[in-house]
Amino acid sequence: MWEKIRVVFTIPELRQKILLTLLFLAIYRIGWQIPLPIVDPTESLFNEASGGMGAMLAQVATFSASQLSQATIFGLGIMPYISASIIFQLLGSVYPPLERLQKEGESGRKKINEYTRYATVVLCLLQSWFYVGVLIRQGQVHEGMLDAAGHLSLGWQFTAVLTMTAG
């Protein structure tokens, strides 16, 4: 077994791809542990035992490969991209301009992939905006970030949304 692994690492192109994959995996795991800047790390986020929002978010996290219960920068996971991809697949059968793009072959597929990426960013912005709103309503925001009236400033909300979208 070790001989086979050694042989794999002697091929430069394969070694480079394996090391790049390991680097991406390490970045992913680190980003999964970094909390959002507005979240109070001492608070228990969305306690599943209490039911309500915690139980719902546990179900969403199960089906979407996301980490919503910990409010991390990679908390949205890959679900916005999958959702955008499904939307464009379905629109391709009912919206004539997209249907024509699908029939164009490789160039049309590239254009649809580009549209899918743009839609992913829009979905990330929307999902993270709603998620930050839930964090605020649940009282999960660090008290030092609240103003005198107990509200989180729009700047901090925007920062949290952009952080989750970039993640």
N, C-alpha and C. Protein backbone atom coordinates (compact mmCIF):
# COMPACT_ATOMS: atom_id res chain seq x y z
N MET A 1 0.82 -1.19 0.00
CA MET A 1 0.00 0.00 0.00
C MET A 1 0.87 1.26 0.00
N TRP A 2 1.87 1.30 0.87
CA TRP A 2 2.74 2.48 0.94
C TRP A 2 3.50 2.67 -0.37
N GLU A 3 3.79 1.57 -1.03
CA GLU A 3 4.49 1.65 -2.32
C GLU A 3 3.62 2.35 -3.36
N LYS A 4 2.34 2.04 -3.36
CA LYS A 4 1.41 2.66 -4.31
C LYS A 4 1.27 4.16 -4.03
N ILE A 5 1.22 4.51 -2.76
CA ILE A 5 1.13 5.93 -2.40
C ILE A 5 2.39 6.66 -2.82
N ARG A 6 3.55 6.04 -2.63
CA ARG A 6 4.81 6.65 -3.03
C ARG A 6 4.85 6.86 -4.54
N VAL A 7 4.35 5.89 -5.30
CA VAL A 7 4.33 6.00 -6.76
C VAL A 7 3.43 7.16 -7.18
N VAL A 8 2.30 7.32 -6.51
CA VAL A 8 1.38 8.41 -6.84
C VAL A 8 2.07 9.76 -6.65
N PHE A 9 2.86 9.90 -5.59
CA PHE A 9 3.52 11.17 -5.32
C PHE A 9 4.76 11.41 -6.18
N THR A 10 5.20 10.42 -6.94
CA THR A 10 6.35 10.63 -7.83
C THR A 10 5.92 11.28 -9.14
N ILE A 11 4.65 11.23 -9.47
CA ILE A 11 4.14 11.87 -10.68
C ILE A 11 3.85 13.33 -10.33
N PRO A 12 4.61 14.29 -10.92
CA PRO A 12 4.48 15.70 -10.52
C PRO A 12 3.07 16.28 -10.67
N GLU A 13 2.41 16.01 -11.77
CA GLU A 13 1.08 16.58 -11.99
C GLU A 13 0.07 16.04 -10.97
N LEU A 14 0.13 14.76 -10.71
CA LEU A 14 -0.78 14.14 -9.75
C LEU A 14 -0.48 14.62 -8.33
N ARG A 15 0.81 14.74 -8.00
CA ARG A 15 1.20 15.23 -6.68
C ARG A 15 0.67 16.65 -6.46
N GLN A 16 0.79 17.49 -7.51
CA GLN A 16 0.32 18.87 -7.40
C GLN A 16 -1.20 18.91 -7.17
N LYS A 17 -1.94 18.07 -7.88
CA LYS A 17 -3.40 18.06 -7.71
C LYS A 17 -3.80 17.56 -6.32
N ILE A 18 -3.11 16.56 -5.82
CA ILE A 18 -3.41 16.04 -4.48
C ILE A 18 -3.11 17.08 -3.41
N LEU A 19 -1.96 17.74 -3.52
CA LEU A 19 -1.60 18.77 -2.54
C LEU A 19 -2.56 19.96 -2.59
N LEU A 20 -2.98 20.34 -3.80
CA LEU A 20 -3.94 21.43 -3.94
C LEU A 20 -5.29 21.06 -3.31
N THR A 21 -5.71 19.82 -3.50
CA THR A 21 -6.95 19.34 -2.89
C THR A 21 -6.85 19.36 -1.37
N LEU A 22 -5.72 18.93 -0.84
CA LEU A 22 -5.52 18.95 0.61
C LEU A 22 -5.50 20.38 1.15
N LEU A 23 -4.91 21.31 0.39
CA LEU A 23 -4.90 22.72 0.79
C LEU A 23 -6.33 23.27 0.85
N PHE A 24 -7.13 22.99 -0.19
CA PHE A 24 -8.52 23.45 -0.20
C PHE A 24 -9.31 22.84 0.94
N LEU A 25 -9.07 21.58 1.23
CA LEU A 25 -9.75 20.92 2.33
C LEU A 25 -9.38 21.56 3.67
N ALA A 26 -8.11 21.92 3.84
CA ALA A 26 -7.67 22.58 5.07
C ALA A 26 -8.31 23.96 5.21
N ILE A 27 -8.36 24.72 4.12
CA ILE A 27 -9.00 26.04 4.15
C ILE A 27 -10.48 25.90 4.49
N TYR A 28 -11.12 24.92 3.90
CA TYR A 28 -12.53 24.66 4.16
C TYR A 28 -12.78 24.34 5.63
N ARG A 29 -11.98 23.49 6.21
CA ARG A 29 -12.16 23.12 7.61
C ARG A 29 -11.87 24.30 8.55
N ILE A 30 -10.89 25.11 8.21
CA ILE A 30 -10.60 26.30 9.03
C ILE A 30 -11.77 27.28 8.95
N GLY A 31 -12.27 27.53 7.74
CA GLY A 31 -13.40 28.45 7.56
C GLY A 31 -14.67 27.96 8.23
N TRP A 32 -14.79 26.67 8.40
CA TRP A 32 -15.95 26.08 9.06
C TRP A 32 -15.92 26.35 10.56
N GLN A 33 -14.74 26.70 11.10
CA GLN A 33 -14.59 26.95 12.53
C GLN A 33 -14.60 28.43 12.89
N ILE A 34 -14.47 29.33 11.92
CA ILE A 34 -14.41 30.77 12.20
C ILE A 34 -15.82 31.33 12.30
N PRO A 35 -16.20 31.87 13.47
CA PRO A 35 -17.56 32.40 13.63
C PRO A 35 -17.73 33.74 12.91
N LEU A 36 -18.97 34.08 12.64
CA LEU A 36 -19.28 35.39 12.07
C LEU A 36 -18.84 36.48 13.04
N PRO A 37 -18.47 37.67 12.53
CA PRO A 37 -17.99 38.72 13.43
C PRO A 37 -19.03 39.25 14.40
N ILE A 38 -20.31 39.07 14.12
CA ILE A 38 -21.34 39.62 15.00
C ILE A 38 -21.81 38.66 16.08
N VAL A 39 -21.42 37.41 15.99
CA VAL A 39 -21.97 36.37 16.87
C VAL A 39 -21.21 36.33 18.19
N ASP A 40 -21.97 36.19 19.27
CA ASP A 40 -21.39 36.02 20.59
C ASP A 40 -21.04 34.54 20.75
N PRO A 41 -19.75 34.21 20.83
CA PRO A 41 -19.36 32.79 20.89
C PRO A 41 -19.77 32.10 22.18
N THR A 42 -20.12 32.86 23.22
CA THR A 42 -20.52 32.23 24.48
C THR A 42 -21.99 31.82 24.46
N GLU A 43 -22.76 32.36 23.53
CA GLU A 43 -24.18 32.02 23.44
C GLU A 43 -24.35 30.68 22.74
N SER A 44 -25.33 29.93 23.17
CA SER A 44 -25.68 28.66 22.52
C SER A 44 -26.61 28.97 21.36
N LEU A 45 -26.15 28.73 20.14
CA LEU A 45 -26.95 29.07 18.98
C LEU A 45 -28.02 28.03 18.71
N PHE A 46 -29.24 28.46 18.63
CA PHE A 46 -30.36 27.65 18.18
C PHE A 46 -30.38 26.28 18.84
N ASN A 47 -30.62 26.25 20.10
CA ASN A 47 -30.65 25.00 20.85
C ASN A 47 -31.72 24.07 20.26
N GLU A 48 -31.28 22.91 19.79
CA GLU A 48 -32.20 21.95 19.17
C GLU A 48 -33.20 21.40 20.17
N ALA A 49 -32.80 21.29 21.41
CA ALA A 49 -33.69 20.70 22.42
C ALA A 49 -34.89 21.60 22.71
N SER A 50 -34.72 22.90 22.47
CA SER A 50 -35.82 23.82 22.76
C SER A 50 -36.89 23.81 21.69
N GLY A 51 -36.66 23.13 20.58
CA GLY A 51 -37.64 23.07 19.50
C GLY A 51 -37.65 24.36 18.71
N GLY A 52 -38.70 24.63 18.00
CA GLY A 52 -38.85 25.86 17.25
C GLY A 52 -37.77 26.04 16.20
N MET A 53 -37.12 27.20 16.24
CA MET A 53 -36.12 27.56 15.24
C MET A 53 -34.93 26.61 15.26
N GLY A 54 -34.50 26.17 16.42
CA GLY A 54 -33.35 25.26 16.51
C GLY A 54 -33.61 23.95 15.81
N ALA A 55 -34.79 23.39 16.00
CA ALA A 55 -35.14 22.12 15.34
C ALA A 55 -35.25 22.30 13.83
N MET A 56 -35.81 23.44 13.41
CA MET A 56 -35.94 23.68 11.98
C MET A 56 -34.57 23.83 11.33
N LEU A 57 -33.68 24.60 11.97
CA LEU A 57 -32.34 24.78 11.41
C LEU A 57 -31.55 23.49 11.40
N ALA A 58 -31.78 22.62 12.35
CA ALA A 58 -31.11 21.31 12.34
C ALA A 58 -31.55 20.51 11.12
N GLN A 59 -32.83 20.57 10.77
CA GLN A 59 -33.32 19.88 9.58
C GLN A 59 -32.74 20.50 8.32
N VAL A 60 -32.71 21.83 8.24
CA VAL A 60 -32.15 22.51 7.07
C VAL A 60 -30.68 22.15 6.91
N ALA A 61 -29.94 22.14 8.00
CA ALA A 61 -28.51 21.81 7.94
C ALA A 61 -28.30 20.38 7.47
N THR A 62 -29.18 19.48 7.85
CA THR A 62 -29.05 18.09 7.43
C THR A 62 -29.19 17.96 5.93
N PHE A 63 -30.15 18.65 5.34
CA PHE A 63 -30.42 18.50 3.92
C PHE A 63 -29.60 19.43 3.03
N SER A 64 -28.99 20.46 3.59
CA SER A 64 -28.30 21.43 2.75
C SER A 64 -26.79 21.43 2.92
N ALA A 65 -26.26 20.55 3.72
CA ALA A 65 -24.81 20.49 3.96
C ALA A 65 -24.30 21.84 4.45
N SER A 66 -25.04 22.47 5.33
CA SER A 66 -24.64 23.77 5.85
C SER A 66 -24.47 23.69 7.36
N GLN A 67 -23.85 24.72 7.91
CA GLN A 67 -23.55 24.74 9.34
C GLN A 67 -24.24 25.95 9.96
N LEU A 68 -25.55 26.03 9.82
CA LEU A 68 -26.28 27.19 10.30
C LEU A 68 -26.32 27.28 11.81
N SER A 69 -26.19 26.17 12.50
CA SER A 69 -26.29 26.20 13.95
C SER A 69 -25.05 26.80 14.61
N GLN A 70 -23.95 26.95 13.89
CA GLN A 70 -22.75 27.50 14.48
C GLN A 70 -22.40 28.89 13.96
N ALA A 71 -23.11 29.40 12.98
CA ALA A 71 -22.91 30.74 12.43
C ALA A 71 -21.46 31.00 12.07
N THR A 72 -20.92 30.19 11.18
CA THR A 72 -19.55 30.34 10.72
C THR A 72 -19.53 31.02 9.36
N ILE A 73 -18.32 31.42 8.92
CA ILE A 73 -18.24 32.11 7.64
C ILE A 73 -18.56 31.19 6.46
N PHE A 74 -18.41 29.89 6.62
CA PHE A 74 -18.79 28.94 5.57
C PHE A 74 -20.13 28.29 5.90
N GLY A 75 -20.93 28.95 6.72
CA GLY A 75 -22.17 28.37 7.21
C GLY A 75 -23.20 28.04 6.15
N LEU A 76 -23.21 28.75 5.03
CA LEU A 76 -24.21 28.47 4.00
C LEU A 76 -23.90 27.19 3.23
N GLY A 77 -22.66 26.78 3.24
CA GLY A 77 -22.29 25.56 2.52
C GLY A 77 -22.42 25.73 1.02
N ILE A 78 -22.69 24.63 0.34
CA ILE A 78 -22.76 24.62 -1.12
C ILE A 78 -24.19 24.75 -1.63
N MET A 79 -25.14 24.82 -0.72
CA MET A 79 -26.54 24.82 -1.11
C MET A 79 -26.94 25.97 -2.04
N PRO A 80 -26.45 27.20 -1.89
CA PRO A 80 -26.84 28.25 -2.85
C PRO A 80 -26.46 27.91 -4.29
N TYR A 81 -25.30 27.29 -4.49
CA TYR A 81 -24.90 26.91 -5.84
C TYR A 81 -25.79 25.79 -6.38
N ILE A 82 -26.09 24.82 -5.54
CA ILE A 82 -26.96 23.72 -5.97
C ILE A 82 -28.35 24.26 -6.32
N SER A 83 -28.86 25.17 -5.50
CA SER A 83 -30.18 25.76 -5.76
C SER A 83 -30.18 26.53 -7.07
N ALA A 84 -29.16 27.34 -7.31
CA ALA A 84 -29.07 28.10 -8.55
C ALA A 84 -28.98 27.17 -9.75
N SER A 85 -28.23 26.11 -9.61
CA SER A 85 -28.09 25.14 -10.69
C SER A 85 -29.42 24.47 -11.02
N ILE A 86 -30.16 24.09 -10.00
CA ILE A 86 -31.48 23.48 -10.20
C ILE A 86 -32.43 24.48 -10.85
N ILE A 87 -32.40 25.72 -10.40
CA ILE A 87 -33.27 26.75 -10.97
C ILE A 87 -33.01 26.91 -12.46
N PHE A 88 -31.74 26.96 -12.86
CA PHE A 88 -31.43 27.14 -14.28
C PHE A 88 -31.74 25.89 -15.10
N GLN A 89 -31.63 24.72 -14.50
CA GLN A 89 -32.03 23.50 -15.21
C GLN A 89 -33.54 23.51 -15.47
N LEU A 90 -34.30 23.91 -14.47
CA LEU A 90 -35.76 23.96 -14.65
C LEU A 90 -36.17 25.08 -15.59
N LEU A 91 -35.52 26.24 -15.49
CA LEU A 91 -35.84 27.35 -16.39
C LEU A 91 -35.50 27.02 -17.83
N GLY A 92 -34.50 26.16 -18.02
CA GLY A 92 -34.11 25.78 -19.38
C GLY A 92 -35.21 25.07 -20.13
N SER A 93 -36.12 24.46 -19.44
CA SER A 93 -37.20 23.75 -20.12
C SER A 93 -38.45 24.61 -20.31
N VAL A 94 -38.55 25.74 -19.62
CA VAL A 94 -39.76 26.57 -19.74
C VAL A 94 -39.48 27.98 -20.28
N TYR A 95 -38.25 28.43 -20.27
CA TYR A 95 -37.91 29.78 -20.73
C TYR A 95 -37.17 29.67 -22.06
N PRO A 96 -37.79 30.11 -23.17
CA PRO A 96 -37.21 29.89 -24.50
C PRO A 96 -35.77 30.38 -24.71
N PRO A 97 -35.38 31.57 -24.22
CA PRO A 97 -33.98 31.96 -24.43
C PRO A 97 -32.97 31.00 -23.78
N LEU A 98 -33.28 30.50 -22.60
CA LEU A 98 -32.39 29.52 -21.96
C LEU A 98 -32.43 28.18 -22.69
N GLU A 99 -33.58 27.84 -23.22
CA GLU A 99 -33.70 26.60 -23.99
C GLU A 99 -32.82 26.67 -25.24
N ARG A 100 -32.80 27.84 -25.88
CA ARG A 100 -31.93 28.02 -27.06
C ARG A 100 -30.46 27.92 -26.66
N LEU A 101 -30.12 28.51 -25.50
CA LEU A 101 -28.73 28.41 -25.03
C LEU A 101 -28.32 26.97 -24.77
N GLN A 102 -29.22 26.17 -24.22
CA GLN A 102 -28.91 24.77 -23.96
C GLN A 102 -28.64 24.01 -25.25
N LYS A 103 -29.32 24.40 -26.32
CA LYS A 103 -29.17 23.71 -27.59
C LYS A 103 -27.94 24.16 -28.38
N GLU A 104 -27.28 25.24 -27.94
CA GLU A 104 -26.11 25.76 -28.64
C GLU A 104 -24.86 24.92 -28.42
N GLY A 105 -24.91 24.01 -27.49
CA GLY A 105 -23.75 23.15 -27.23
C GLY A 105 -22.85 23.73 -26.16
N GLU A 106 -21.54 23.63 -26.40
CA GLU A 106 -20.55 24.02 -25.40
C GLU A 106 -20.62 25.51 -25.05
N SER A 107 -20.78 26.38 -26.05
CA SER A 107 -20.82 27.82 -25.77
C SER A 107 -22.06 28.18 -24.95
N GLY A 108 -23.18 27.55 -25.25
CA GLY A 108 -24.40 27.80 -24.48
C GLY A 108 -24.28 27.30 -23.05
N ARG A 109 -23.63 26.15 -22.90
CA ARG A 109 -23.44 25.59 -21.55
C ARG A 109 -22.55 26.50 -20.71
N LYS A 110 -21.52 27.07 -21.35
CA LYS A 110 -20.64 28.00 -20.62
C LYS A 110 -21.41 29.24 -20.18
N LYS A 111 -22.27 29.73 -21.05
CA LYS A 111 -23.06 30.92 -20.72
C LYS A 111 -24.04 30.61 -19.57
N ILE A 112 -24.67 29.45 -19.61
CA ILE A 112 -25.59 29.06 -18.53
C ILE A 112 -24.82 28.89 -17.22
N ASN A 113 -23.62 28.33 -17.27
CA ASN A 113 -22.79 28.21 -16.06
C ASN A 113 -22.44 29.58 -15.49
N GLU A 114 -22.19 30.53 -16.38
CA GLU A 114 -21.90 31.90 -15.92
C GLU A 114 -23.13 32.49 -15.22
N TYR A 115 -24.30 32.32 -15.82
CA TYR A 115 -25.53 32.81 -15.20
C TYR A 115 -25.77 32.12 -13.86
N THR A 116 -25.44 30.84 -13.79
CA THR A 116 -25.62 30.08 -12.55
C THR A 116 -24.75 30.66 -11.44
N ARG A 117 -23.52 31.03 -11.78
CA ARG A 117 -22.63 31.62 -10.77
C ARG A 117 -23.16 32.96 -10.28
N TYR A 118 -23.69 33.77 -11.20
CA TYR A 118 -24.27 35.05 -10.78
C TYR A 118 -25.48 34.82 -9.88
N ALA A 119 -26.31 33.88 -10.23
CA ALA A 119 -27.49 33.57 -9.41
C ALA A 119 -27.07 33.04 -8.05
N THR A 120 -25.94 32.32 -8.00
CA THR A 120 -25.44 31.81 -6.72
C THR A 120 -25.10 32.96 -5.78
N VAL A 121 -24.46 33.99 -6.31
CA VAL A 121 -24.11 35.15 -5.48
C VAL A 121 -25.38 35.83 -4.96
N VAL A 122 -26.37 35.97 -5.82
CA VAL A 122 -27.63 36.59 -5.40
C VAL A 122 -28.30 35.75 -4.32
N LEU A 123 -28.34 34.43 -4.51
CA LEU A 123 -28.93 33.55 -3.50
C LEU A 123 -28.16 33.60 -2.19
N CYS A 124 -26.84 33.67 -2.26
CA CYS A 124 -26.02 33.79 -1.04
C CYS A 124 -26.36 35.07 -0.30
N LEU A 125 -26.47 36.17 -1.04
CA LEU A 125 -26.80 37.44 -0.40
C LEU A 125 -28.16 37.37 0.29
N LEU A 126 -29.15 36.81 -0.40
CA LEU A 126 -30.49 36.70 0.19
C LEU A 126 -30.50 35.77 1.40
N GLN A 127 -29.91 34.59 1.27
CA GLN A 127 -29.93 33.64 2.37
C GLN A 127 -29.17 34.17 3.58
N SER A 128 -28.03 34.80 3.35
CA SER A 128 -27.26 35.31 4.48
C SER A 128 -27.96 36.50 5.13
N TRP A 129 -28.64 37.34 4.34
CA TRP A 129 -29.39 38.47 4.91
C TRP A 129 -30.50 37.95 5.84
N PHE A 130 -31.24 36.94 5.39
CA PHE A 130 -32.28 36.38 6.23
C PHE A 130 -31.69 35.68 7.45
N TYR A 131 -30.57 35.01 7.27
CA TYR A 131 -29.95 34.30 8.39
C TYR A 131 -29.45 35.28 9.45
N VAL A 132 -28.85 36.39 9.01
CA VAL A 132 -28.39 37.41 9.96
C VAL A 132 -29.60 38.00 10.69
N GLY A 133 -30.70 38.19 9.97
CA GLY A 133 -31.93 38.67 10.61
C GLY A 133 -32.42 37.72 11.69
N VAL A 134 -32.33 36.42 11.43
CA VAL A 134 -32.72 35.42 12.44
C VAL A 134 -31.79 35.50 13.64
N LEU A 135 -30.49 35.65 13.39
CA LEU A 135 -29.53 35.77 14.50
C LEU A 135 -29.87 36.97 15.39
N ILE A 136 -30.23 38.08 14.76
CA ILE A 136 -30.56 39.29 15.51
C ILE A 136 -31.83 39.07 16.33
N ARG A 137 -32.87 38.51 15.70
CA ARG A 137 -34.13 38.29 16.41
C ARG A 137 -34.00 37.26 17.53
N GLN A 138 -33.09 36.32 17.39
CA GLN A 138 -32.88 35.30 18.43
C GLN A 138 -31.98 35.80 19.55
N GLY A 139 -31.40 37.00 19.39
CA GLY A 139 -30.54 37.55 20.43
C GLY A 139 -29.16 36.89 20.48
N GLN A 140 -28.68 36.43 19.34
CA GLN A 140 -27.39 35.73 19.29
C GLN A 140 -26.23 36.66 18.96
N VAL A 141 -26.50 37.96 18.88
CA VAL A 141 -25.49 38.94 18.50
C VAL A 141 -24.70 39.37 19.73
N HIS A 142 -23.42 39.58 19.55
CA HIS A 142 -22.55 40.04 20.64
C HIS A 142 -23.05 41.39 21.13
N GLU A 143 -23.22 41.53 22.44
CA GLU A 143 -23.81 42.75 23.01
C GLU A 143 -22.98 44.00 22.72
N GLY A 144 -21.68 43.86 22.55
CA GLY A 144 -20.82 45.00 22.27
C GLY A 144 -21.07 45.62 20.91
N MET A 145 -21.78 44.92 20.05
CA MET A 145 -22.05 45.42 18.70
C MET A 145 -23.40 46.10 18.58
N LEU A 146 -24.18 46.08 19.64
CA LEU A 146 -25.51 46.69 19.61
C LEU A 146 -25.42 48.16 19.99
N ASP A 147 -26.30 48.97 19.40
CA ASP A 147 -26.34 50.38 19.77
C ASP A 147 -27.14 50.55 21.06
N ALA A 148 -27.37 51.80 21.45
CA ALA A 148 -28.05 52.08 22.72
C ALA A 148 -29.48 51.52 22.75
N ALA A 149 -30.11 51.46 21.59
CA ALA A 149 -31.49 50.95 21.52
C ALA A 149 -31.53 49.43 21.42
N GLY A 150 -30.38 48.80 21.37
CA GLY A 150 -30.34 47.34 21.30
C GLY A 150 -30.42 46.79 19.89
N HIS A 151 -30.14 47.63 18.89
CA HIS A 151 -30.19 47.19 17.50
C HIS A 151 -28.78 47.06 16.94
N LEU A 152 -28.62 46.14 16.04
CA LEU A 152 -27.34 45.97 15.34
C LEU A 152 -27.31 46.96 14.18
N SER A 153 -26.21 47.70 14.06
CA SER A 153 -26.14 48.70 13.00
C SER A 153 -26.16 48.05 11.62
N LEU A 154 -26.60 48.81 10.64
CA LEU A 154 -26.68 48.31 9.27
C LEU A 154 -25.29 47.94 8.75
N GLY A 155 -24.26 48.66 9.20
CA GLY A 155 -22.90 48.35 8.79
C GLY A 155 -22.46 46.96 9.22
N TRP A 156 -22.78 46.60 10.47
CA TRP A 156 -22.42 45.26 10.95
C TRP A 156 -23.25 44.19 10.26
N GLN A 157 -24.52 44.49 10.00
CA GLN A 157 -25.35 43.53 9.27
C GLN A 157 -24.78 43.29 7.87
N PHE A 158 -24.40 44.37 7.21
CA PHE A 158 -23.83 44.29 5.87
C PHE A 158 -22.52 43.50 5.90
N THR A 159 -21.69 43.74 6.93
CA THR A 159 -20.43 43.00 7.07
C THR A 159 -20.68 41.51 7.23
N ALA A 160 -21.64 41.15 8.06
CA ALA A 160 -21.95 39.74 8.27
C ALA A 160 -22.48 39.09 6.99
N VAL A 161 -23.33 39.81 6.26
CA VAL A 161 -23.88 39.28 5.01
C VAL A 161 -22.76 39.07 3.99
N LEU A 162 -21.88 40.04 3.85
CA LEU A 162 -20.78 39.89 2.90
C LEU A 162 -19.81 38.79 3.32
N THR A 163 -19.60 38.63 4.62
CA THR A 163 -18.72 37.56 5.10
C THR A 163 -19.29 36.20 4.76
N MET A 164 -20.59 36.01 4.99
CA MET A 164 -21.20 34.72 4.65
C MET A 164 -21.24 34.50 3.14
N THR A 165 -21.48 35.56 2.38
CA THR A 165 -21.51 35.42 0.92
C THR A 165 -20.14 35.07 0.37
N ALA A 166 -19.11 35.72 0.89
CA ALA A 166 -17.75 35.42 0.44
C ALA A 166 -17.33 34.02 0.86
N GLY A 167 -17.87 33.56 1.99
CA GLY A 167 -17.53 32.21 2.46
C GLY A 167 -18.15 31.18 1.57
